[in-house]
Amino acid sequence: MSEIADTPEPPYYAVIFSNLRTPGDEGYAAMAERMVALASAQPGFLGMESVRDGLGITVSYWQSLEAIASWKKHAEHQVAQQLGRAQWYSSFRVRVARVEREYGM
């Protein structure tokens, strides 16, 4: 992804997923593409930004904590989470934050 998400006026929530990958693809690229498509279709999804340069950081934006919880429980997303723990990530951290203010140009 190479554009800034067009988010609404705050408040809303950000899920920040920081990760370090293991070597090789092992189906990662296809699953990542599928997760972007699925997340984008979820109620309460507002947008996403993602970068990778050794360290990967993906920030997804959501209307509510309930929308985030629903996405976390999505069946295909749970499969991706299990595969991530088992083979794609050597380390990761998920942080959930409430966005109170935003500005830019």
PDB file of N, CA and C in Angstrom:
ATOM      1  N   MET A   1       0.843  -1.173   0.000  1.00  0.00           N
ATOM      2  CA  MET A   1       0.000   0.000   0.000  1.00  0.00           C
ATOM      3  C   MET A   1       0.884   1.230   0.000  1.00  0.00           C
ATOM      4  N   SER A   2       0.505   2.187  -0.782  1.00  0.00           N
ATOM      5  CA  SER A   2       1.361   3.362  -0.848  1.00  0.00           C
ATOM      6  C   SER A   2       0.562   4.656  -0.836  1.00  0.00           C
ATOM      7  N   GLU A   3      -0.523   4.657  -0.093  1.00  0.00           N
ATOM      8  CA  GLU A   3      -1.247   5.908   0.062  1.00  0.00           C
ATOM      9  C   GLU A   3      -1.735   6.047   1.497  1.00  0.00           C
ATOM     10  N   ILE A   4      -1.995   7.278   1.878  1.00  0.00           N
ATOM     11  CA  ILE A   4      -2.459   7.567   3.231  1.00  0.00           C
ATOM     12  C   ILE A   4      -3.960   7.325   3.289  1.00  0.00           C
ATOM     13  N   ALA A   5      -4.415   6.612   4.309  1.00  0.00           N
ATOM     14  CA  ALA A   5      -5.839   6.308   4.475  1.00  0.00           C
ATOM     15  C   ALA A   5      -6.632   7.597   4.680  1.00  0.00           C
ATOM     16  N   ASP A   6      -7.788   7.653   4.068  1.00  0.00           N
ATOM     17  CA  ASP A   6      -8.691   8.802   4.199  1.00  0.00           C
ATOM     18  C   ASP A   6      -9.671   8.493   5.334  1.00  0.00           C
ATOM     19  N   THR A   7      -9.311   8.891   6.540  1.00  0.00           N
ATOM     20  CA  THR A   7     -10.107   8.576   7.721  1.00  0.00           C
ATOM     21  C   THR A   7     -11.082   9.705   8.054  1.00  0.00           C
ATOM     22  N   PRO A   8     -12.156   9.389   8.789  1.00  0.00           N
ATOM     23  CA  PRO A   8     -13.138  10.411   9.163  1.00  0.00           C
ATOM     24  C   PRO A   8     -12.640  11.248  10.338  1.00  0.00           C
ATOM     25  N   GLU A   9     -13.445  12.192  10.746  1.00  0.00           N
ATOM     26  CA  GLU A   9     -13.138  12.973  11.944  1.00  0.00           C
ATOM     27  C   GLU A   9     -13.059  12.029  13.144  1.00  0.00           C
ATOM     28  N   PRO A  10     -12.060  12.207  14.017  1.00  0.00           N
ATOM     29  CA  PRO A  10     -11.975  11.393  15.227  1.00  0.00           C
ATOM     30  C   PRO A  10     -13.159  11.668  16.151  1.00  0.00           C
ATOM     31  N   PRO A  11     -13.436  10.786  17.072  1.00  0.00           N
ATOM     32  CA  PRO A  11     -12.615   9.637  17.442  1.00  0.00           C
ATOM     33  C   PRO A  11     -12.905   8.410  16.582  1.00  0.00           C
ATOM     34  N   TYR A  12     -11.876   7.594  16.442  1.00  0.00           N
ATOM     35  CA  TYR A  12     -11.956   6.265  15.850  1.00  0.00           C
ATOM     36  C   TYR A  12     -10.763   5.490  16.415  1.00  0.00           C
ATOM     37  N   TYR A  13     -10.565   4.267  15.972  1.00  0.00           N
ATOM     38  CA  TYR A  13      -9.525   3.425  16.552  1.00  0.00           C
ATOM     39  C   TYR A  13      -8.490   3.005  15.507  1.00  0.00           C
ATOM     40  N   ALA A  14      -7.267   2.807  15.967  1.00  0.00           N
ATOM     41  CA  ALA A  14      -6.184   2.309  15.130  1.00  0.00           C
ATOM     42  C   ALA A  14      -5.662   1.009  15.725  1.00  0.00           C
ATOM     43  N   VAL A  15      -5.495   0.008  14.880  1.00  0.00           N
ATOM     44  CA  VAL A  15      -4.840  -1.238  15.265  1.00  0.00           C
ATOM     45  C   VAL A  15      -3.477  -1.215  14.579  1.00  0.00           C
ATOM     46  N   ILE A  16      -2.426  -1.223  15.371  1.00  0.00           N
ATOM     47  CA  ILE A  16      -1.062  -1.123  14.869  1.00  0.00           C
ATOM     48  C   ILE A  16      -0.416  -2.500  14.996  1.00  0.00           C
ATOM     49  N   PHE A  17      -0.078  -3.084  13.861  1.00  0.00           N
ATOM     50  CA  PHE A  17       0.502  -4.424  13.810  1.00  0.00           C
ATOM     51  C   PHE A  17       1.951  -4.308  13.336  1.00  0.00           C
ATOM     52  N   SER A  18       2.896  -4.453  14.264  1.00  0.00           N
ATOM     53  CA  SER A  18       4.326  -4.399  13.956  1.00  0.00           C
ATOM     54  C   SER A  18       4.850  -5.824  13.929  1.00  0.00           C
ATOM     55  N   ASN A  19       5.675  -6.141  12.923  1.00  0.00           N
ATOM     56  CA  ASN A  19       6.123  -7.528  12.811  1.00  0.00           C
ATOM     57  C   ASN A  19       7.472  -7.652  12.130  1.00  0.00           C
ATOM     58  N   LEU A  20       8.125  -8.765  12.429  1.00  0.00           N
ATOM     59  CA  LEU A  20       9.335  -9.198  11.745  1.00  0.00           C
ATOM     60  C   LEU A  20       9.027 -10.532  11.095  1.00  0.00           C
ATOM     61  N   ARG A  21       9.310 -10.651   9.800  1.00  0.00           N
ATOM     62  CA  ARG A  21       9.016 -11.855   9.033  1.00  0.00           C
ATOM     63  C   ARG A  21      10.109 -12.893   9.155  1.00  0.00           C
ATOM     64  N   THR A  22       9.733 -14.129   8.926  1.00  0.00           N
ATOM     65  CA  THR A  22      10.687 -15.215   8.755  1.00  0.00           C
ATOM     66  C   THR A  22      11.093 -15.232   7.274  1.00  0.00           C
ATOM     67  N   PRO A  23      12.196 -15.911   6.927  1.00  0.00           N
ATOM     68  CA  PRO A  23      12.609 -15.974   5.517  1.00  0.00           C
ATOM     69  C   PRO A  23      11.589 -16.736   4.656  1.00  0.00           C
ATOM     70  N   GLY A  24      11.507 -16.374   3.376  1.00  0.00           N
ATOM     71  CA  GLY A  24      10.635 -17.074   2.427  1.00  0.00           C
ATOM     72  C   GLY A  24       9.211 -16.572   2.459  1.00  0.00           C
ATOM     73  N   ASP A  25       8.460 -16.935   1.431  1.00  0.00           N
ATOM     74  CA  ASP A  25       7.082 -16.462   1.312  1.00  0.00           C
ATOM     75  C   ASP A  25       6.102 -17.419   1.968  1.00  0.00           C
ATOM     76  N   GLU A  26       6.190 -18.714   1.642  1.00  0.00           N
ATOM     77  CA  GLU A  26       5.328 -19.740   2.249  1.00  0.00           C
ATOM     78  C   GLU A  26       3.839 -19.397   2.159  1.00  0.00           C
ATOM     79  N   GLY A  27       3.430 -18.723   1.077  1.00  0.00           N
ATOM     80  CA  GLY A  27       2.020 -18.360   0.916  1.00  0.00           C
ATOM     81  C   GLY A  27       1.627 -17.051   1.576  1.00  0.00           C
ATOM     82  N   TYR A  28       2.604 -16.341   2.132  1.00  0.00           N
ATOM     83  CA  TYR A  28       2.321 -15.099   2.862  1.00  0.00           C
ATOM     84  C   TYR A  28       1.688 -14.030   1.976  1.00  0.00           C
ATOM     85  N   ALA A  29       2.261 -13.779   0.809  1.00  0.00           N
ATOM     86  CA  ALA A  29       1.779 -12.688  -0.054  1.00  0.00           C
ATOM     87  C   ALA A  29       0.316 -12.883  -0.435  1.00  0.00           C
ATOM     88  N   ALA A  30      -0.047 -14.091  -0.798  1.00  0.00           N
ATOM     89  CA  ALA A  30      -1.439 -14.373  -1.173  1.00  0.00           C
ATOM     90  C   ALA A  30      -2.375 -14.178   0.021  1.00  0.00           C
ATOM     91  N   MET A  31      -1.949 -14.643   1.195  1.00  0.00           N
ATOM     92  CA  MET A  31      -2.787 -14.485   2.381  1.00  0.00           C
ATOM     93  C   MET A  31      -2.910 -13.008   2.764  1.00  0.00           C
ATOM     94  N   ALA A  32      -1.818 -12.264   2.675  1.00  0.00           N
ATOM     95  CA  ALA A  32      -1.865 -10.838   3.007  1.00  0.00           C
ATOM     96  C   ALA A  32      -2.841 -10.106   2.088  1.00  0.00           C
ATOM     97  N   GLU A  33      -2.800 -10.422   0.814  1.00  0.00           N
ATOM     98  CA  GLU A  33      -3.734  -9.808  -0.148  1.00  0.00           C
ATOM     99  C   GLU A  33      -5.176 -10.155   0.199  1.00  0.00           C
ATOM    100  N   ARG A  34      -5.415 -11.397   0.564  1.00  0.00           N
ATOM    101  CA  ARG A  34      -6.760 -11.838   0.945  1.00  0.00           C
ATOM    102  C   ARG A  34      -7.226 -11.117   2.209  1.00  0.00           C
ATOM    103  N   MET A  35      -6.344 -10.942   3.187  1.00  0.00           N
ATOM    104  CA  MET A  35      -6.716 -10.268   4.432  1.00  0.00           C
ATOM    105  C   MET A  35      -7.067  -8.802   4.184  1.00  0.00           C
ATOM    106  N   VAL A  36      -6.355  -8.132   3.293  1.00  0.00           N
ATOM    107  CA  VAL A  36      -6.690  -6.737   2.952  1.00  0.00           C
ATOM    108  C   VAL A  36      -8.086  -6.676   2.342  1.00  0.00           C
ATOM    109  N   ALA A  37      -8.382  -7.587   1.421  1.00  0.00           N
ATOM    110  CA  ALA A  37      -9.706  -7.613   0.792  1.00  0.00           C
ATOM    111  C   ALA A  37     -10.800  -7.895   1.812  1.00  0.00           C
ATOM    112  N   LEU A  38     -10.571  -8.870   2.690  1.00  0.00           N
ATOM    113  CA  LEU A  38     -11.580  -9.203   3.702  1.00  0.00           C
ATOM    114  C   LEU A  38     -11.780  -8.081   4.714  1.00  0.00           C
ATOM    115  N   ALA A  39     -10.684  -7.526   5.219  1.00  0.00           N
ATOM    116  CA  ALA A  39     -10.786  -6.443   6.209  1.00  0.00           C
ATOM    117  C   ALA A  39     -11.533  -5.264   5.622  1.00  0.00           C
ATOM    118  N   SER A  40     -11.226  -4.937   4.373  1.00  0.00           N
ATOM    119  CA  SER A  40     -11.863  -3.793   3.711  1.00  0.00           C
ATOM    120  C   SER A  40     -13.375  -3.941   3.604  1.00  0.00           C
ATOM    121  N   ALA A  41     -13.848  -5.181   3.602  1.00  0.00           N
ATOM    122  CA  ALA A  41     -15.287  -5.450   3.479  1.00  0.00           C
ATOM    123  C   ALA A  41     -15.991  -5.541   4.833  1.00  0.00           C
ATOM    124  N   GLN A  42     -15.244  -5.456   5.932  1.00  0.00           N
ATOM    125  CA  GLN A  42     -15.838  -5.613   7.259  1.00  0.00           C
ATOM    126  C   GLN A  42     -16.564  -4.348   7.697  1.00  0.00           C
ATOM    127  N   PRO A  43     -17.722  -4.502   8.350  1.00  0.00           N
ATOM    128  CA  PRO A  43     -18.402  -3.335   8.913  1.00  0.00           C
ATOM    129  C   PRO A  43     -17.485  -2.616   9.900  1.00  0.00           C
ATOM    130  N   GLY A  44     -17.408  -1.314   9.784  1.00  0.00           N
ATOM    131  CA  GLY A  44     -16.598  -0.518  10.695  1.00  0.00           C
ATOM    132  C   GLY A  44     -15.176  -0.282  10.230  1.00  0.00           C
ATOM    133  N   PHE A  45     -14.749  -0.895   9.129  1.00  0.00           N
ATOM    134  CA  PHE A  45     -13.412  -0.681   8.590  1.00  0.00           C
ATOM    135  C   PHE A  45     -13.337   0.697   7.957  1.00  0.00           C
ATOM    136  N   LEU A  46     -12.274   1.448   8.265  1.00  0.00           N
ATOM    137  CA  LEU A  46     -12.129   2.819   7.758  1.00  0.00           C
ATOM    138  C   LEU A  46     -10.967   2.999   6.794  1.00  0.00           C
ATOM    139  N   GLY A  47      -9.970   2.142   6.854  1.00  0.00           N
ATOM    140  CA  GLY A  47      -8.813   2.281   5.976  1.00  0.00           C
ATOM    141  C   GLY A  47      -7.612   1.559   6.541  1.00  0.00           C
ATOM    142  N   MET A  48      -6.515   1.597   5.753  1.00  0.00           N
ATOM    143  CA  MET A  48      -5.322   0.858   6.143  1.00  0.00           C
ATOM    144  C   MET A  48      -4.097   1.508   5.510  1.00  0.00           C
ATOM    145  N   GLU A  49      -2.978   1.436   6.230  1.00  0.00           N
ATOM    146  CA  GLU A  49      -1.678   1.867   5.727  1.00  0.00           C
ATOM    147  C   GLU A  49      -0.671   0.790   6.105  1.00  0.00           C
ATOM    148  N   SER A  50       0.264   0.491   5.195  1.00  0.00           N
ATOM    149  CA  SER A  50       1.201  -0.588   5.468  1.00  0.00           C
ATOM    150  C   SER A  50       2.547  -0.307   4.808  1.00  0.00           C
ATOM    151  N   VAL A  51       3.631  -0.592   5.536  1.00  0.00           N
ATOM    152  CA  VAL A  51       4.992  -0.464   5.002  1.00  0.00           C
ATOM    153  C   VAL A  51       5.828  -1.644   5.485  1.00  0.00           C
ATOM    154  N   ARG A  52       6.835  -1.981   4.677  1.00  0.00           N
ATOM    155  CA  ARG A  52       7.770  -3.029   5.080  1.00  0.00           C
ATOM    156  C   ARG A  52       9.152  -2.657   4.574  1.00  0.00           C
ATOM    157  N   ASP A  53      10.088  -2.608   5.505  1.00  0.00           N
ATOM    158  CA  ASP A  53      11.503  -2.417   5.184  1.00  0.00           C
ATOM    159  C   ASP A  53      12.266  -3.163   6.265  1.00  0.00           C
ATOM    160  N   GLY A  54      12.197  -4.479   6.210  1.00  0.00           N
ATOM    161  CA  GLY A  54      12.690  -5.301   7.310  1.00  0.00           C
ATOM    162  C   GLY A  54      11.590  -5.415   8.355  1.00  0.00           C
ATOM    163  N   LEU A  55      11.370  -4.341   9.084  1.00  0.00           N
ATOM    164  CA  LEU A  55      10.248  -4.257  10.017  1.00  0.00           C
ATOM    165  C   LEU A  55       8.990  -3.946   9.227  1.00  0.00           C
ATOM    166  N   GLY A  56       7.923  -4.696   9.458  1.00  0.00           N
ATOM    167  CA  GLY A  56       6.637  -4.413   8.817  1.00  0.00           C
ATOM    168  C   GLY A  56       5.715  -3.729   9.805  1.00  0.00           C
ATOM    169  N   ILE A  57       5.015  -2.705   9.341  1.00  0.00           N
ATOM    170  CA  ILE A  57       4.024  -2.025  10.174  1.00  0.00           C
ATOM    171  C   ILE A  57       2.771  -1.822   9.342  1.00  0.00           C
ATOM    172  N   THR A  58       1.668  -2.343   9.843  1.00  0.00           N
ATOM    173  CA  THR A  58       0.369  -2.131   9.221  1.00  0.00           C
ATOM    174  C   THR A  58      -0.534  -1.487  10.257  1.00  0.00           C
ATOM    175  N   VAL A  59      -1.166  -0.380   9.865  1.00  0.00           N
ATOM    176  CA  VAL A  59      -2.123   0.293  10.733  1.00  0.00           C
ATOM    177  C   VAL A  59      -3.472   0.217  10.045  1.00  0.00           C
ATOM    178  N   SER A  60      -4.435  -0.384  10.719  1.00  0.00           N
ATOM    179  CA  SER A  60      -5.805  -0.393  10.197  1.00  0.00           C
ATOM    180  C   SER A  60      -6.661   0.486  11.110  1.00  0.00           C
ATOM    181  N   TYR A  61      -7.634   1.148  10.502  1.00  0.00           N
ATOM    182  CA  TYR A  61      -8.476   2.103  11.217  1.00  0.00           C
ATOM    183  C   TYR A  61      -9.908   1.578  11.252  1.00  0.00           C
ATOM    184  N   TRP A  62     -10.542   1.746  12.430  1.00  0.00           N
ATOM    185  CA  TRP A  62     -11.856   1.153  12.680  1.00  0.00           C
ATOM    186  C   TRP A  62     -12.758   2.135  13.412  1.00  0.00           C
ATOM    187  N   GLN A  63     -14.059   2.001  13.197  1.00  0.00           N
ATOM    188  CA  GLN A  63     -15.041   2.873  13.851  1.00  0.00           C
ATOM    189  C   GLN A  63     -15.182   2.590  15.337  1.00  0.00           C
ATOM    190  N   SER A  64     -14.988   1.336  15.737  1.00  0.00           N
ATOM    191  CA  SER A  64     -15.292   0.972  17.122  1.00  0.00           C
ATOM    192  C   SER A  64     -14.463  -0.223  17.579  1.00  0.00           C
ATOM    193  N   LEU A  65     -14.412  -0.406  18.892  1.00  0.00           N
ATOM    194  CA  LEU A  65     -13.761  -1.587  19.452  1.00  0.00           C
ATOM    195  C   LEU A  65     -14.518  -2.854  19.062  1.00  0.00           C
ATOM    196  N   GLU A  66     -15.826  -2.750  18.923  1.00  0.00           N
ATOM    197  CA  GLU A  66     -16.641  -3.900  18.512  1.00  0.00           C
ATOM    198  C   GLU A  66     -16.270  -4.348  17.096  1.00  0.00           C
ATOM    199  N   ALA A  67     -16.037  -3.393  16.201  1.00  0.00           N
ATOM    200  CA  ALA A  67     -15.640  -3.736  14.831  1.00  0.00           C
ATOM    201  C   ALA A  67     -14.283  -4.435  14.830  1.00  0.00           C
ATOM    202  N   ILE A  68     -13.367  -3.969  15.669  1.00  0.00           N
ATOM    203  CA  ILE A  68     -12.052  -4.600  15.782  1.00  0.00           C
ATOM    204  C   ILE A  68     -12.200  -6.032  16.309  1.00  0.00           C
ATOM    205  N   ALA A  69     -13.008  -6.216  17.335  1.00  0.00           N
ATOM    206  CA  ALA A  69     -13.215  -7.546  17.914  1.00  0.00           C
ATOM    207  C   ALA A  69     -13.833  -8.492  16.889  1.00  0.00           C
ATOM    208  N   SER A  70     -14.766  -7.988  16.100  1.00  0.00           N
ATOM    209  CA  SER A  70     -15.398  -8.810  15.075  1.00  0.00           C
ATOM    210  C   SER A  70     -14.377  -9.250  14.027  1.00  0.00           C
ATOM    211  N   TRP A  71     -13.504  -8.340  13.613  1.00  0.00           N
ATOM    212  CA  TRP A  71     -12.464  -8.692  12.648  1.00  0.00           C
ATOM    213  C   TRP A  71     -11.502  -9.722  13.237  1.00  0.00           C
ATOM    214  N   LYS A  72     -11.123  -9.545  14.484  1.00  0.00           N
ATOM    215  CA  LYS A  72     -10.209 -10.497  15.131  1.00  0.00           C
ATOM    216  C   LYS A  72     -10.805 -11.905  15.138  1.00  0.00           C
ATOM    217  N   LYS A  73     -12.123 -12.013  15.249  1.00  0.00           N
ATOM    218  CA  LYS A  73     -12.798 -13.308  15.323  1.00  0.00           C
ATOM    219  C   LYS A  73     -13.162 -13.885  13.956  1.00  0.00           C
ATOM    220  N   HIS A  74     -12.977 -13.128  12.874  1.00  0.00           N
ATOM    221  CA  HIS A  74     -13.330 -13.609  11.532  1.00  0.00           C
ATOM    222  C   HIS A  74     -12.585 -14.920  11.255  1.00  0.00           C
ATOM    223  N   ALA A  75     -13.292 -15.922  10.755  1.00  0.00           N
ATOM    224  CA  ALA A  75     -12.730 -17.269  10.597  1.00  0.00           C
ATOM    225  C   ALA A  75     -11.462 -17.294   9.741  1.00  0.00           C
ATOM    226  N   GLU A  76     -11.475 -16.642   8.581  1.00  0.00           N
ATOM    227  CA  GLU A  76     -10.284 -16.644   7.728  1.00  0.00           C
ATOM    228  C   GLU A  76      -9.147 -15.853   8.364  1.00  0.00           C
ATOM    229  N   HIS A  77      -9.477 -14.791   9.075  1.00  0.00           N
ATOM    230  CA  HIS A  77      -8.452 -14.012   9.766  1.00  0.00           C
ATOM    231  C   HIS A  77      -7.812 -14.851  10.873  1.00  0.00           C
ATOM    232  N   GLN A  78      -8.590 -15.677  11.549  1.00  0.00           N
ATOM    233  CA  GLN A  78      -8.031 -16.544  12.583  1.00  0.00           C
ATOM    234  C   GLN A  78      -7.055 -17.556  11.997  1.00  0.00           C
ATOM    235  N   VAL A  79      -7.362 -18.071  10.805  1.00  0.00           N
ATOM    236  CA  VAL A  79      -6.427 -18.985  10.127  1.00  0.00           C
ATOM    237  C   VAL A  79      -5.122 -18.245   9.832  1.00  0.00           C
ATOM    238  N   ALA A  80      -5.224 -17.019   9.324  1.00  0.00           N
ATOM    239  CA  ALA A  80      -4.030 -16.223   9.028  1.00  0.00           C
ATOM    240  C   ALA A  80      -3.227 -15.949  10.302  1.00  0.00           C
ATOM    241  N   GLN A  81      -3.920 -15.670  11.402  1.00  0.00           N
ATOM    242  CA  GLN A  81      -3.226 -15.441  12.674  1.00  0.00           C
ATOM    243  C   GLN A  81      -2.444 -16.686  13.101  1.00  0.00           C
ATOM    244  N   GLN A  82      -3.065 -17.862  12.971  1.00  0.00           N
ATOM    245  CA  GLN A  82      -2.393 -19.107  13.346  1.00  0.00           C
ATOM    246  C   GLN A  82      -1.165 -19.367  12.481  1.00  0.00           C
ATOM    247  N   LEU A  83      -1.310 -19.139  11.167  1.00  0.00           N
ATOM    248  CA  LEU A  83      -0.176 -19.335  10.260  1.00  0.00           C
ATOM    249  C   LEU A  83       0.931 -18.321  10.550  1.00  0.00           C
ATOM    250  N   GLY A  84       0.536 -17.110  10.903  1.00  0.00           N
ATOM    251  CA  GLY A  84       1.520 -16.089  11.255  1.00  0.00           C
ATOM    252  C   GLY A  84       2.365 -16.517  12.440  1.00  0.00           C
ATOM    253  N   ARG A  85       1.713 -17.013  13.475  1.00  0.00           N
ATOM    254  CA  ARG A  85       2.440 -17.477  14.658  1.00  0.00           C
ATOM    255  C   ARG A  85       3.325 -18.687  14.338  1.00  0.00           C
ATOM    256  N   ALA A  86       2.812 -19.591  13.505  1.00  0.00           N
ATOM    257  CA  ALA A  86       3.507 -20.846  13.227  1.00  0.00           C
ATOM    258  C   ALA A  86       4.649 -20.702  12.222  1.00  0.00           C
ATOM    259  N   GLN A  87       4.482 -19.815  11.206  1.00  0.00           N
ATOM    260  CA  GLN A  87       5.517 -19.831  10.160  1.00  0.00           C
ATOM    261  C   GLN A  87       5.905 -18.484   9.570  1.00  0.00           C
ATOM    262  N   TRP A  88       5.101 -17.436   9.651  1.00  0.00           N
ATOM    263  CA  TRP A  88       5.429 -16.209   8.924  1.00  0.00           C
ATOM    264  C   TRP A  88       6.145 -15.152   9.746  1.00  0.00           C
ATOM    265  N   TYR A  89       5.953 -15.133  11.057  1.00  0.00           N
ATOM    266  CA  TYR A  89       6.529 -14.068  11.880  1.00  0.00           C
ATOM    267  C   TYR A  89       7.497 -14.630  12.911  1.00  0.00           C
ATOM    268  N   SER A  90       8.656 -13.994  12.999  1.00  0.00           N
ATOM    269  CA  SER A  90       9.576 -14.347  14.074  1.00  0.00           C
ATOM    270  C   SER A  90       9.229 -13.555  15.333  1.00  0.00           C
ATOM    271  N   SER A  91       8.531 -12.440  15.141  1.00  0.00           N
ATOM    272  CA  SER A  91       8.110 -11.592  16.251  1.00  0.00           C
ATOM    273  C   SER A  91       7.009 -10.662  15.772  1.00  0.00           C
ATOM    274  N   PHE A  92       6.052 -10.349  16.644  1.00  0.00           N
ATOM    275  CA  PHE A  92       5.041  -9.350  16.298  1.00  0.00           C
ATOM    276  C   PHE A  92       4.464  -8.735  17.557  1.00  0.00           C
ATOM    277  N   ARG A  93       3.817  -7.611  17.374  1.00  0.00           N
ATOM    278  CA  ARG A  93       3.126  -6.917  18.463  1.00  0.00           C
ATOM    279  C   ARG A  93       1.903  -6.244  17.857  1.00  0.00           C
ATOM    280  N   VAL A  94       0.771  -6.323  18.565  1.00  0.00           N
ATOM    281  CA  VAL A  94      -0.459  -5.646  18.161  1.00  0.00           C
ATOM    282  C   VAL A  94      -0.803  -4.632  19.238  1.00  0.00           C
ATOM    283  N   ARG A  95      -1.076  -3.423  18.800  1.00  0.00           N
ATOM    284  CA  ARG A  95      -1.471  -2.347  19.723  1.00  0.00           C
ATOM    285  C   ARG A  95      -2.768  -1.743  19.212  1.00  0.00           C
ATOM    286  N   VAL A  96      -3.674  -1.465  20.122  1.00  0.00           N
ATOM    287  CA  VAL A  96      -4.947  -0.835  19.772  1.00  0.00           C
ATOM    288  C   VAL A  96      -5.000   0.519  20.471  1.00  0.00           C
ATOM    289  N   ALA A  97      -5.279   1.566  19.708  1.00  0.00           N
ATOM    290  CA  ALA A  97      -5.287   2.924  20.249  1.00  0.00           C
ATOM    291  C   ALA A  97      -6.512   3.688  19.761  1.00  0.00           C
ATOM    292  N   ARG A  98      -6.999   4.567  20.593  1.00  0.00           N
ATOM    293  CA  ARG A  98      -8.094   5.459  20.205  1.00  0.00           C
ATOM    294  C   ARG A  98      -7.471   6.734  19.623  1.00  0.00           C
ATOM    295  N   VAL A  99      -7.870   7.093  18.434  1.00  0.00           N
ATOM    296  CA  VAL A  99      -7.390   8.320  17.796  1.00  0.00           C
ATOM    297  C   VAL A  99      -8.285   9.459  18.252  1.00  0.00           C
ATOM    298  N   GLU A 100      -7.700  10.414  18.918  1.00  0.00           N
ATOM    299  CA  GLU A 100      -8.441  11.563  19.465  1.00  0.00           C
ATOM    300  C   GLU A 100      -8.362  12.784  18.558  1.00  0.00           C
ATOM    301  N   ARG A 101      -7.263  12.885  17.813  1.00  0.00           N
ATOM    302  CA  ARG A 101      -7.048  14.070  16.991  1.00  0.00           C
ATOM    303  C   ARG A 101      -6.252  13.672  15.766  1.00  0.00           C
ATOM    304  N   GLU A 102      -6.507  14.348  14.649  1.00  0.00           N
ATOM    305  CA  GLU A 102      -5.715  14.139  13.448  1.00  0.00           C
ATOM    306  C   GLU A 102      -5.631  15.436  12.686  1.00  0.00           C
ATOM    307  N   TYR A 103      -4.521  15.614  11.998  1.00  0.00           N
ATOM    308  CA  TYR A 103      -4.362  16.795  11.144  1.00  0.00           C
ATOM    309  C   TYR A 103      -3.345  16.463  10.070  1.00  0.00           C
ATOM    310  N   GLY A 104      -3.287  17.253   9.039  1.00  0.00           N
ATOM    311  CA  GLY A 104      -2.349  17.016   7.959  1.00  0.00           C
ATOM    312  C   GLY A 104      -2.609  17.984   6.824  1.00  0.00           C
ATOM    313  N   MET A 105      -2.023  17.676   5.679  1.00  0.00           N
ATOM    314  CA  MET A 105      -2.257  18.511   4.506  1.00  0.00           C
ATOM    315  C   MET A 105      -2.569  17.663   3.307  1.00  0.00           C
TER     316      MET A 105
END
